[in-house]
PDB file of all heavy atoms in Angstrom:
ATOM      1  N   VAL A   1      -4.914  -1.357 -11.270  1.00  0.00           N
ATOM      2  CA  VAL A   1      -6.115  -1.437 -10.420  1.00  0.00           C
ATOM      3  C   VAL A   1      -5.788  -1.071  -8.964  1.00  0.00           C
ATOM      4  O   VAL A   1      -6.377  -1.608  -8.031  1.00  0.00           O
ATOM      5  CB  VAL A   1      -6.749  -2.851 -10.484  1.00  0.00           C
ATOM      6  CG1 VAL A   1      -7.418  -3.087 -11.834  1.00  0.00           C
ATOM      7  CG2 VAL A   1      -5.721  -3.941 -10.178  1.00  0.00           C
ATOM      8  N   ILE A   2      -4.887  -0.141  -8.773  1.00  0.00           N
ATOM      9  CA  ILE A   2      -4.514   0.256  -7.407  1.00  0.00           C
ATOM     10  C   ILE A   2      -5.724   0.789  -6.646  1.00  0.00           C
ATOM     11  O   ILE A   2      -5.923   0.464  -5.458  1.00  0.00           O
ATOM     12  CB  ILE A   2      -3.380   1.305  -7.438  1.00  0.00           C
ATOM     13  CG1 ILE A   2      -2.096   0.698  -8.047  1.00  0.00           C
ATOM     14  CG2 ILE A   2      -3.100   1.819  -6.024  1.00  0.00           C
ATOM     15  CD1 ILE A   2      -1.513  -0.472  -7.283  1.00  0.00           C
ATOM     16  N   ASP A   3      -6.555   1.598  -7.302  1.00  0.00           N
ATOM     17  CA  ASP A   3      -7.741   2.136  -6.621  1.00  0.00           C
ATOM     18  C   ASP A   3      -8.669   1.011  -6.179  1.00  0.00           C
ATOM     19  O   ASP A   3      -9.217   1.041  -5.066  1.00  0.00           O
ATOM     20  CB  ASP A   3      -8.491   3.096  -7.541  1.00  0.00           C
ATOM     21  CG  ASP A   3      -7.752   4.414  -7.758  1.00  0.00           C
ATOM     22  OD1 ASP A   3      -6.825   4.699  -6.973  1.00  0.00           O
ATOM     23  OD2 ASP A   3      -8.103   5.139  -8.712  1.00  0.00           O
ATOM     24  N   GLU A   4      -8.871   0.010  -7.047  1.00  0.00           N
ATOM     25  CA  GLU A   4      -9.737  -1.128  -6.705  1.00  0.00           C
ATOM     26  C   GLU A   4      -9.142  -1.942  -5.563  1.00  0.00           C
ATOM     27  O   GLU A   4      -9.866  -2.437  -4.687  1.00  0.00           O
ATOM     28  CB  GLU A   4      -9.953  -2.015  -7.932  1.00  0.00           C
ATOM     29  CG  GLU A   4     -10.850  -1.419  -9.002  1.00  0.00           C
ATOM     30  CD  GLU A   4     -10.095  -0.548 -10.010  1.00  0.00           C
ATOM     31  OE1 GLU A   4      -8.933  -0.166  -9.719  1.00  0.00           O
ATOM     32  OE2 GLU A   4     -10.676  -0.243 -11.062  1.00  0.00           O
ATOM     33  N   ILE A   5      -7.828  -2.073  -5.545  1.00  0.00           N
ATOM     34  CA  ILE A   5      -7.162  -2.814  -4.468  1.00  0.00           C
ATOM     35  C   ILE A   5      -7.354  -2.087  -3.137  1.00  0.00           C
ATOM     36  O   ILE A   5      -7.671  -2.703  -2.114  1.00  0.00           O
ATOM     37  CB  ILE A   5      -5.666  -3.010  -4.793  1.00  0.00           C
ATOM     38  CG1 ILE A   5      -5.496  -4.024  -5.938  1.00  0.00           C
ATOM     39  CG2 ILE A   5      -4.893  -3.466  -3.553  1.00  0.00           C
ATOM     40  CD1 ILE A   5      -4.089  -4.151  -6.465  1.00  0.00           C
ATOM     41  N   ILE A   6      -7.155  -0.775  -3.139  1.00  0.00           N
ATOM     42  CA  ILE A   6      -7.330   0.006  -1.908  1.00  0.00           C
ATOM     43  C   ILE A   6      -8.759  -0.125  -1.393  1.00  0.00           C
ATOM     44  O   ILE A   6      -8.990  -0.313  -0.188  1.00  0.00           O
ATOM     45  CB  ILE A   6      -6.953   1.486  -2.162  1.00  0.00           C
ATOM     46  CG1 ILE A   6      -5.431   1.611  -2.360  1.00  0.00           C
ATOM     47  CG2 ILE A   6      -7.419   2.377  -1.016  1.00  0.00           C
ATOM     48  CD1 ILE A   6      -4.970   2.986  -2.805  1.00  0.00           C
ATOM     49  N   ALA A   7      -9.723  -0.071  -2.314  1.00  0.00           N
ATOM     50  CA  ALA A   7     -11.128  -0.204  -1.912  1.00  0.00           C
ATOM     51  C   ALA A   7     -11.407  -1.589  -1.334  1.00  0.00           C
ATOM     52  O   ALA A   7     -12.167  -1.737  -0.361  1.00  0.00           O
ATOM     53  CB  ALA A   7     -12.042   0.068  -3.103  1.00  0.00           C
ATOM     54  N   PHE A   8     -10.786  -2.619  -1.912  1.00  0.00           N
ATOM     55  CA  PHE A   8     -10.967  -3.991  -1.434  1.00  0.00           C
ATOM     56  C   PHE A   8     -10.394  -4.143  -0.024  1.00  0.00           C
ATOM     57  O   PHE A   8     -11.011  -4.746   0.859  1.00  0.00           O
ATOM     58  CB  PHE A   8     -10.289  -4.966  -2.409  1.00  0.00           C
ATOM     59  CG  PHE A   8     -10.865  -6.345  -2.414  1.00  0.00           C
ATOM     60  CD1 PHE A   8     -11.771  -6.737  -3.380  1.00  0.00           C
ATOM     61  CD2 PHE A   8     -10.489  -7.279  -1.451  1.00  0.00           C
ATOM     62  CE1 PHE A   8     -12.306  -8.023  -3.390  1.00  0.00           C
ATOM     63  CE2 PHE A   8     -11.008  -8.557  -1.445  1.00  0.00           C
ATOM     64  CZ  PHE A   8     -11.925  -8.939  -2.435  1.00  0.00           C
ATOM     65  N   VAL A   9      -9.206  -3.588   0.183  1.00  0.00           N
ATOM     66  CA  VAL A   9      -8.576  -3.644   1.511  1.00  0.00           C
ATOM     67  C   VAL A   9      -9.437  -2.911   2.536  1.00  0.00           C
ATOM     68  O   VAL A   9      -9.640  -3.384   3.666  1.00  0.00           O
ATOM     69  CB  VAL A   9      -7.153  -3.061   1.466  1.00  0.00           C
ATOM     70  CG1 VAL A   9      -6.568  -2.965   2.875  1.00  0.00           C
ATOM     71  CG2 VAL A   9      -6.243  -3.909   0.581  1.00  0.00           C
ATOM     72  N   GLN A  10      -9.967  -1.764   2.145  1.00  0.00           N
ATOM     73  CA  GLN A  10     -10.800  -0.995   3.078  1.00  0.00           C
ATOM     74  C   GLN A  10     -12.048  -1.784   3.481  1.00  0.00           C
ATOM     75  O   GLN A  10     -12.466  -1.766   4.642  1.00  0.00           O
ATOM     76  CB  GLN A  10     -11.212   0.333   2.429  1.00  0.00           C
ATOM     77  CG  GLN A  10     -11.948   1.267   3.374  1.00  0.00           C
ATOM     78  CD  GLN A  10     -11.103   1.674   4.571  1.00  0.00           C
ATOM     79  OE1 GLN A  10     -10.034   2.266   4.418  1.00  0.00           O
ATOM     80  NE2 GLN A  10     -11.567   1.348   5.785  1.00  0.00           N
ATOM     81  N   LYS A  11     -12.617  -2.517   2.516  1.00  0.00           N
ATOM     82  CA  LYS A  11     -13.800  -3.331   2.811  1.00  0.00           C
ATOM     83  C   LYS A  11     -13.443  -4.442   3.811  1.00  0.00           C
ATOM     84  O   LYS A  11     -14.222  -4.742   4.725  1.00  0.00           O
ATOM     85  CB  LYS A  11     -14.329  -3.948   1.510  1.00  0.00           C
ATOM     86  CG  LYS A  11     -15.680  -4.624   1.625  1.00  0.00           C
ATOM     87  CD  LYS A  11     -16.803  -3.640   1.535  1.00  0.00           C
ATOM     88  CE  LYS A  11     -18.166  -4.339   1.541  1.00  0.00           C
ATOM     89  NZ  LYS A  11     -18.460  -5.038   0.270  1.00  0.00           N
ATOM     90  N   ILE A  12     -12.280  -5.024   3.665  1.00  0.00           N
ATOM     91  CA  ILE A  12     -11.827  -6.057   4.609  1.00  0.00           C
ATOM     92  C   ILE A  12     -11.677  -5.471   6.012  1.00  0.00           C
ATOM     93  O   ILE A  12     -12.100  -6.074   7.007  1.00  0.00           O
ATOM     94  CB  ILE A  12     -10.500  -6.684   4.118  1.00  0.00           C
ATOM     95  CG1 ILE A  12     -10.746  -7.528   2.866  1.00  0.00           C
ATOM     96  CG2 ILE A  12      -9.850  -7.540   5.215  1.00  0.00           C
ATOM     97  CD1 ILE A  12      -9.483  -8.045   2.203  1.00  0.00           C
ATOM     98  N   LEU A  13     -11.104  -4.277   6.095  1.00  0.00           N
ATOM     99  CA  LEU A  13     -10.968  -3.602   7.388  1.00  0.00           C
ATOM    100  C   LEU A  13     -12.344  -3.277   7.980  1.00  0.00           C
ATOM    101  O   LEU A  13     -12.595  -3.503   9.167  1.00  0.00           O
ATOM    102  CB  LEU A  13     -10.154  -2.319   7.227  1.00  0.00           C
ATOM    103  CG  LEU A  13      -8.636  -2.471   7.081  1.00  0.00           C
ATOM    104  CD1 LEU A  13      -8.012  -1.150   6.653  1.00  0.00           C
ATOM    105  CD2 LEU A  13      -7.999  -2.969   8.367  1.00  0.00           C
ATOM    106  N   ASP A  14     -13.222  -2.749   7.124  1.00  0.00           N
ATOM    107  CA  ASP A  14     -14.562  -2.368   7.597  1.00  0.00           C
ATOM    108  C   ASP A  14     -15.324  -3.573   8.143  1.00  0.00           C
ATOM    109  O   ASP A  14     -16.126  -3.439   9.086  1.00  0.00           O
ATOM    110  CB  ASP A  14     -15.371  -1.747   6.460  1.00  0.00           C
ATOM    111  CG  ASP A  14     -14.829  -0.391   6.029  1.00  0.00           C
ATOM    112  OD1 ASP A  14     -14.042   0.201   6.794  1.00  0.00           O
ATOM    113  OD2 ASP A  14     -15.192   0.061   4.922  1.00  0.00           O
ATOM    114  N   ASN A  15     -15.064  -4.752   7.565  1.00  0.00           N
ATOM    115  CA  ASN A  15     -15.765  -5.969   7.983  1.00  0.00           C
ATOM    116  C   ASN A  15     -15.079  -6.686   9.147  1.00  0.00           C
ATOM    117  O   ASN A  15     -15.504  -7.770   9.556  1.00  0.00           O
ATOM    118  CB  ASN A  15     -15.917  -6.924   6.797  1.00  0.00           C
ATOM    119  CG  ASN A  15     -16.885  -6.398   5.754  1.00  0.00           C
ATOM    120  OD1 ASN A  15     -17.693  -5.504   6.028  1.00  0.00           O
ATOM    121  ND2 ASN A  15     -16.819  -6.939   4.535  1.00  0.00           N
ATOM    122  N   GLY A  16     -14.011  -6.087   9.669  1.00  0.00           N
ATOM    123  CA  GLY A  16     -13.387  -6.611  10.872  1.00  0.00           C
ATOM    124  C   GLY A  16     -12.374  -7.721  10.672  1.00  0.00           C
ATOM    125  O   GLY A  16     -12.003  -8.415  11.629  1.00  0.00           O
ATOM    126  N   TYR A  17     -11.885  -7.893   9.441  1.00  0.00           N
ATOM    127  CA  TYR A  17     -10.944  -8.982   9.162  1.00  0.00           C
ATOM    128  C   TYR A  17      -9.498  -8.507   9.021  1.00  0.00           C
ATOM    129  O   TYR A  17      -8.614  -9.315   8.753  1.00  0.00           O
ATOM    130  CB  TYR A  17     -11.346  -9.716   7.879  1.00  0.00           C
ATOM    131  CG  TYR A  17     -12.554 -10.604   8.035  1.00  0.00           C
ATOM    132  CD1 TYR A  17     -13.841 -10.096   7.885  1.00  0.00           C
ATOM    133  CD2 TYR A  17     -12.414 -11.959   8.321  1.00  0.00           C
ATOM    134  CE1 TYR A  17     -14.962 -10.911   8.013  1.00  0.00           C
ATOM    135  CE2 TYR A  17     -13.520 -12.785   8.450  1.00  0.00           C
ATOM    136  CZ  TYR A  17     -14.789 -12.244   8.296  1.00  0.00           C
ATOM    137  OH  TYR A  17     -15.892 -13.064   8.422  1.00  0.00           O
ATOM    138  N   GLY A  18      -9.268  -7.230   9.170  1.00  0.00           N
ATOM    139  CA  GLY A  18      -7.909  -6.723   9.013  1.00  0.00           C
ATOM    140  C   GLY A  18      -7.532  -5.792  10.146  1.00  0.00           C
ATOM    141  O   GLY A  18      -8.364  -5.382  10.958  1.00  0.00           O
ATOM    142  N   TYR A  19      -6.244  -5.449  10.209  1.00  0.00           N
ATOM    143  CA  TYR A  19      -5.763  -4.496  11.220  1.00  0.00           C
ATOM    144  C   TYR A  19      -4.530  -3.789  10.671  1.00  0.00           C
ATOM    145  O   TYR A  19      -3.875  -4.249   9.724  1.00  0.00           O
ATOM    146  CB  TYR A  19      -5.459  -5.205  12.537  1.00  0.00           C
ATOM    147  CG  TYR A  19      -4.428  -6.317  12.455  1.00  0.00           C
ATOM    148  CD1 TYR A  19      -3.079  -6.073  12.713  1.00  0.00           C
ATOM    149  CD2 TYR A  19      -4.803  -7.624  12.132  1.00  0.00           C
ATOM    150  CE1 TYR A  19      -2.139  -7.083  12.649  1.00  0.00           C
ATOM    151  CE2 TYR A  19      -3.875  -8.641  12.073  1.00  0.00           C
ATOM    152  CZ  TYR A  19      -2.539  -8.380  12.326  1.00  0.00           C
ATOM    153  OH  TYR A  19      -1.611  -9.390  12.251  1.00  0.00           O
ATOM    154  N   ILE A  20      -4.231  -2.669  11.281  1.00  0.00           N
ATOM    155  CA  ILE A  20      -3.159  -1.800  10.801  1.00  0.00           C
ATOM    156  C   ILE A  20      -1.983  -1.843  11.773  1.00  0.00           C
ATOM    157  O   ILE A  20      -2.172  -1.804  12.998  1.00  0.00           O
ATOM    158  CB  ILE A  20      -3.669  -0.359  10.649  1.00  0.00           C
ATOM    159  CG1 ILE A  20      -4.864  -0.315   9.683  1.00  0.00           C
ATOM    160  CG2 ILE A  20      -2.560   0.568  10.152  1.00  0.00           C
ATOM    161  CD1 ILE A  20      -5.608   1.015   9.692  1.00  0.00           C
ATOM    162  N   THR A  21      -0.769  -1.921  11.242  1.00  0.00           N
ATOM    163  CA  THR A  21       0.453  -1.838  12.044  1.00  0.00           C
ATOM    164  C   THR A  21       1.323  -0.720  11.478  1.00  0.00           C
ATOM    165  O   THR A  21       0.974  -0.079  10.483  1.00  0.00           O
ATOM    166  CB  THR A  21       1.246  -3.163  12.024  1.00  0.00           C
ATOM    167  OG1 THR A  21       1.926  -3.279  10.761  1.00  0.00           O
ATOM    168  CG2 THR A  21       0.339  -4.365  12.234  1.00  0.00           C
ATOM    169  N   LYS A  22       2.473  -0.538  12.088  1.00  0.00           N
ATOM    170  CA  LYS A  22       3.393   0.491  11.594  1.00  0.00           C
ATOM    171  C   LYS A  22       3.924   0.151  10.202  1.00  0.00           C
ATOM    172  O   LYS A  22       4.403   1.032   9.477  1.00  0.00           O
ATOM    173  CB  LYS A  22       4.571   0.648  12.561  1.00  0.00           C
ATOM    174  CG  LYS A  22       5.448  -0.580  12.719  1.00  0.00           C
ATOM    175  CD  LYS A  22       6.593  -0.323  13.686  1.00  0.00           C
ATOM    176  CE  LYS A  22       7.504  -1.536  13.846  1.00  0.00           C
ATOM    177  NZ  LYS A  22       6.818  -2.695  14.447  1.00  0.00           N
ATOM    178  N   ASN A  23       3.850  -1.142   9.823  1.00  0.00           N
ATOM    179  CA  ASN A  23       4.385  -1.576   8.533  1.00  0.00           C
ATOM    180  C   ASN A  23       3.336  -1.733   7.442  1.00  0.00           C
ATOM    181  O   ASN A  23       3.681  -1.990   6.291  1.00  0.00           O
ATOM    182  CB  ASN A  23       5.127  -2.908   8.690  1.00  0.00           C
ATOM    183  CG  ASN A  23       6.412  -2.739   9.470  1.00  0.00           C
ATOM    184  OD1 ASN A  23       7.087  -1.723   9.334  1.00  0.00           O
ATOM    185  ND2 ASN A  23       6.745  -3.713  10.299  1.00  0.00           N
ATOM    186  N   GLY A  24       2.051  -1.617   7.801  1.00  0.00           N
ATOM    187  CA  GLY A  24       1.031  -1.753   6.776  1.00  0.00           C
ATOM    188  C   GLY A  24      -0.275  -2.292   7.313  1.00  0.00           C
ATOM    189  O   GLY A  24      -0.582  -2.165   8.504  1.00  0.00           O
ATOM    190  N   VAL A  25      -1.032  -2.939   6.416  1.00  0.00           N
ATOM    191  CA  VAL A  25      -2.325  -3.523   6.763  1.00  0.00           C
ATOM    192  C   VAL A  25      -2.208  -5.040   6.644  1.00  0.00           C
ATOM    193  O   VAL A  25      -1.710  -5.549   5.628  1.00  0.00           O
ATOM    194  CB  VAL A  25      -3.444  -3.007   5.839  1.00  0.00           C
ATOM    195  CG1 VAL A  25      -4.795  -3.585   6.268  1.00  0.00           C
ATOM    196  CG2 VAL A  25      -3.485  -1.488   5.827  1.00  0.00           C
ATOM    197  N   TYR A  26      -2.669  -5.759   7.665  1.00  0.00           N
ATOM    198  CA  TYR A  26      -2.595  -7.222   7.669  1.00  0.00           C
ATOM    199  C   TYR A  26      -3.985  -7.843   7.727  1.00  0.00           C
ATOM    200  O   TYR A  26      -4.931  -7.252   8.275  1.00  0.00           O
ATOM    201  CB  TYR A  26      -1.782  -7.707   8.879  1.00  0.00           C
ATOM    202  CG  TYR A  26      -0.297  -7.581   8.695  1.00  0.00           C
ATOM    203  CD1 TYR A  26       0.352  -6.390   9.043  1.00  0.00           C
ATOM    204  CD2 TYR A  26       0.450  -8.612   8.152  1.00  0.00           C
ATOM    205  CE1 TYR A  26       1.718  -6.259   8.869  1.00  0.00           C
ATOM    206  CE2 TYR A  26       1.817  -8.485   7.972  1.00  0.00           C
ATOM    207  CZ  TYR A  26       2.447  -7.303   8.326  1.00  0.00           C
ATOM    208  OH  TYR A  26       3.795  -7.176   8.143  1.00  0.00           O
ATOM    209  N   PHE A  27      -4.081  -9.041   7.194  1.00  0.00           N
ATOM    210  CA  PHE A  27      -5.298  -9.841   7.329  1.00  0.00           C
ATOM    211  C   PHE A  27      -5.179 -10.666   8.600  1.00  0.00           C
ATOM    212  O   PHE A  27      -4.159 -11.330   8.832  1.00  0.00           O
ATOM    213  CB  PHE A  27      -5.471 -10.764   6.126  1.00  0.00           C
ATOM    214  CG  PHE A  27      -6.794 -11.476   6.107  1.00  0.00           C
ATOM    215  CD1 PHE A  27      -7.854 -10.963   5.379  1.00  0.00           C
ATOM    216  CD2 PHE A  27      -7.004 -12.652   6.829  1.00  0.00           C
ATOM    217  CE1 PHE A  27      -9.086 -11.601   5.360  1.00  0.00           C
ATOM    218  CE2 PHE A  27      -8.227 -13.295   6.826  1.00  0.00           C
ATOM    219  CZ  PHE A  27      -9.275 -12.763   6.099  1.00  0.00           C
ATOM    220  N   ASP A  28      -6.244 -10.649   9.409  1.00  0.00           N
ATOM    221  CA  ASP A  28      -6.267 -11.404  10.659  1.00  0.00           C
ATOM    222  C   ASP A  28      -6.831 -12.802  10.382  1.00  0.00           C
ATOM    223  O   ASP A  28      -8.045 -12.988  10.294  1.00  0.00           O
ATOM    224  CB  ASP A  28      -7.127 -10.671  11.693  1.00  0.00           C
ATOM    225  CG  ASP A  28      -7.055 -11.310  13.078  1.00  0.00           C
ATOM    226  OD1 ASP A  28      -6.609 -12.466  13.181  1.00  0.00           O
ATOM    227  OD2 ASP A  28      -7.462 -10.640  14.054  1.00  0.00           O
ATOM    228  N   THR A  29      -5.937 -13.776  10.230  1.00  0.00           N
ATOM    229  CA  THR A  29      -6.370 -15.122   9.858  1.00  0.00           C
ATOM    230  C   THR A  29      -7.212 -15.801  10.935  1.00  0.00           C
ATOM    231  O   THR A  29      -7.982 -16.722  10.644  1.00  0.00           O
ATOM    232  CB  THR A  29      -5.156 -16.012   9.528  1.00  0.00           C
ATOM    233  OG1 THR A  29      -4.241 -15.994  10.626  1.00  0.00           O
ATOM    234  CG2 THR A  29      -4.456 -15.526   8.282  1.00  0.00           C
ATOM    235  N   SER A  30      -7.104 -15.347  12.173  1.00  0.00           N
ATOM    236  CA  SER A  30      -7.895 -15.960  13.248  1.00  0.00           C
ATOM    237  C   SER A  30      -9.381 -15.658  13.092  1.00  0.00           C
ATOM    238  O   SER A  30     -10.231 -16.355  13.659  1.00  0.00           O
ATOM    239  CB  SER A  30      -7.413 -15.465  14.617  1.00  0.00           C
ATOM    240  OG  SER A  30      -7.731 -14.098  14.799  1.00  0.00           O
ATOM    241  N   LYS A  31      -9.717 -14.637  12.295  1.00  0.00           N
ATOM    242  CA  LYS A  31     -11.117 -14.253  12.113  1.00  0.00           C
ATOM    243  C   LYS A  31     -11.817 -15.122  11.065  1.00  0.00           C
ATOM    244  O   LYS A  31     -13.052 -15.137  10.994  1.00  0.00           O
ATOM    245  CB  LYS A  31     -11.208 -12.781  11.695  1.00  0.00           C
ATOM    246  CG  LYS A  31     -10.677 -11.805  12.748  1.00  0.00           C
ATOM    247  CD  LYS A  31     -11.579 -11.787  13.984  1.00  0.00           C
ATOM    248  CE  LYS A  31     -11.097 -10.790  15.028  1.00  0.00           C
ATOM    249  NZ  LYS A  31     -11.244  -9.401  14.585  1.00  0.00           N
ATOM    250  N   TYR A  32     -11.026 -15.818  10.239  1.00  0.00           N
ATOM    251  CA  TYR A  32     -11.630 -16.667   9.198  1.00  0.00           C
ATOM    252  C   TYR A  32     -11.443 -18.122   9.610  1.00  0.00           C
ATOM    253  O   TYR A  32     -10.344 -18.667   9.549  1.00  0.00           O
ATOM    254  CB  TYR A  32     -10.992 -16.396   7.830  1.00  0.00           C
ATOM    255  CG  TYR A  32     -11.588 -17.237   6.719  1.00  0.00           C
ATOM    256  CD1 TYR A  32     -12.949 -17.184   6.430  1.00  0.00           C
ATOM    257  CD2 TYR A  32     -10.791 -18.093   5.962  1.00  0.00           C
ATOM    258  CE1 TYR A  32     -13.500 -17.960   5.422  1.00  0.00           C
ATOM    259  CE2 TYR A  32     -11.328 -18.862   4.959  1.00  0.00           C
ATOM    260  CZ  TYR A  32     -12.687 -18.799   4.693  1.00  0.00           C
ATOM    261  OH  TYR A  32     -13.225 -19.575   3.694  1.00  0.00           O
ATOM    262  N   VAL A  33     -12.520 -18.755  10.051  1.00  0.00           N
ATOM    263  CA  VAL A  33     -12.425 -20.070  10.702  1.00  0.00           C
ATOM    264  C   VAL A  33     -11.970 -21.181   9.756  1.00  0.00           C
ATOM    265  O   VAL A  33     -11.465 -22.215  10.208  1.00  0.00           O
ATOM    266  CB  VAL A  33     -13.771 -20.468  11.344  1.00  0.00           C
ATOM    267  CG1 VAL A  33     -14.129 -19.505  12.445  1.00  0.00           C
ATOM    268  CG2 VAL A  33     -14.882 -20.523  10.295  1.00  0.00           C
ATOM    269  N   HIS A  34     -12.137 -20.981   8.457  1.00  0.00           N
ATOM    270  CA  HIS A  34     -11.755 -22.032   7.502  1.00  0.00           C
ATOM    271  C   HIS A  34     -10.341 -21.832   6.951  1.00  0.00           C
ATOM    272  O   HIS A  34      -9.946 -22.539   6.015  1.00  0.00           O
ATOM    273  CB  HIS A  34     -12.758 -22.082   6.346  1.00  0.00           C
ATOM    274  CG  HIS A  34     -14.158 -22.408   6.775  1.00  0.00           C
ATOM    275  ND1 HIS A  34     -14.490 -23.602   7.385  1.00  0.00           N
ATOM    276  CD2 HIS A  34     -15.309 -21.683   6.690  1.00  0.00           C
ATOM    277  CE1 HIS A  34     -15.778 -23.608   7.652  1.00  0.00           C
ATOM    278  NE2 HIS A  34     -16.297 -22.468   7.254  1.00  0.00           N
TER     279      HIS A  34
END
């Protein structure tokens, strides 16, 4: 399900919960208050 995973990650980025670094894509935990 690599294609589905990539699409899921892209949705997280599009919704403002992720960011990109030289090493990959990270989830920004400060954006999720719970």
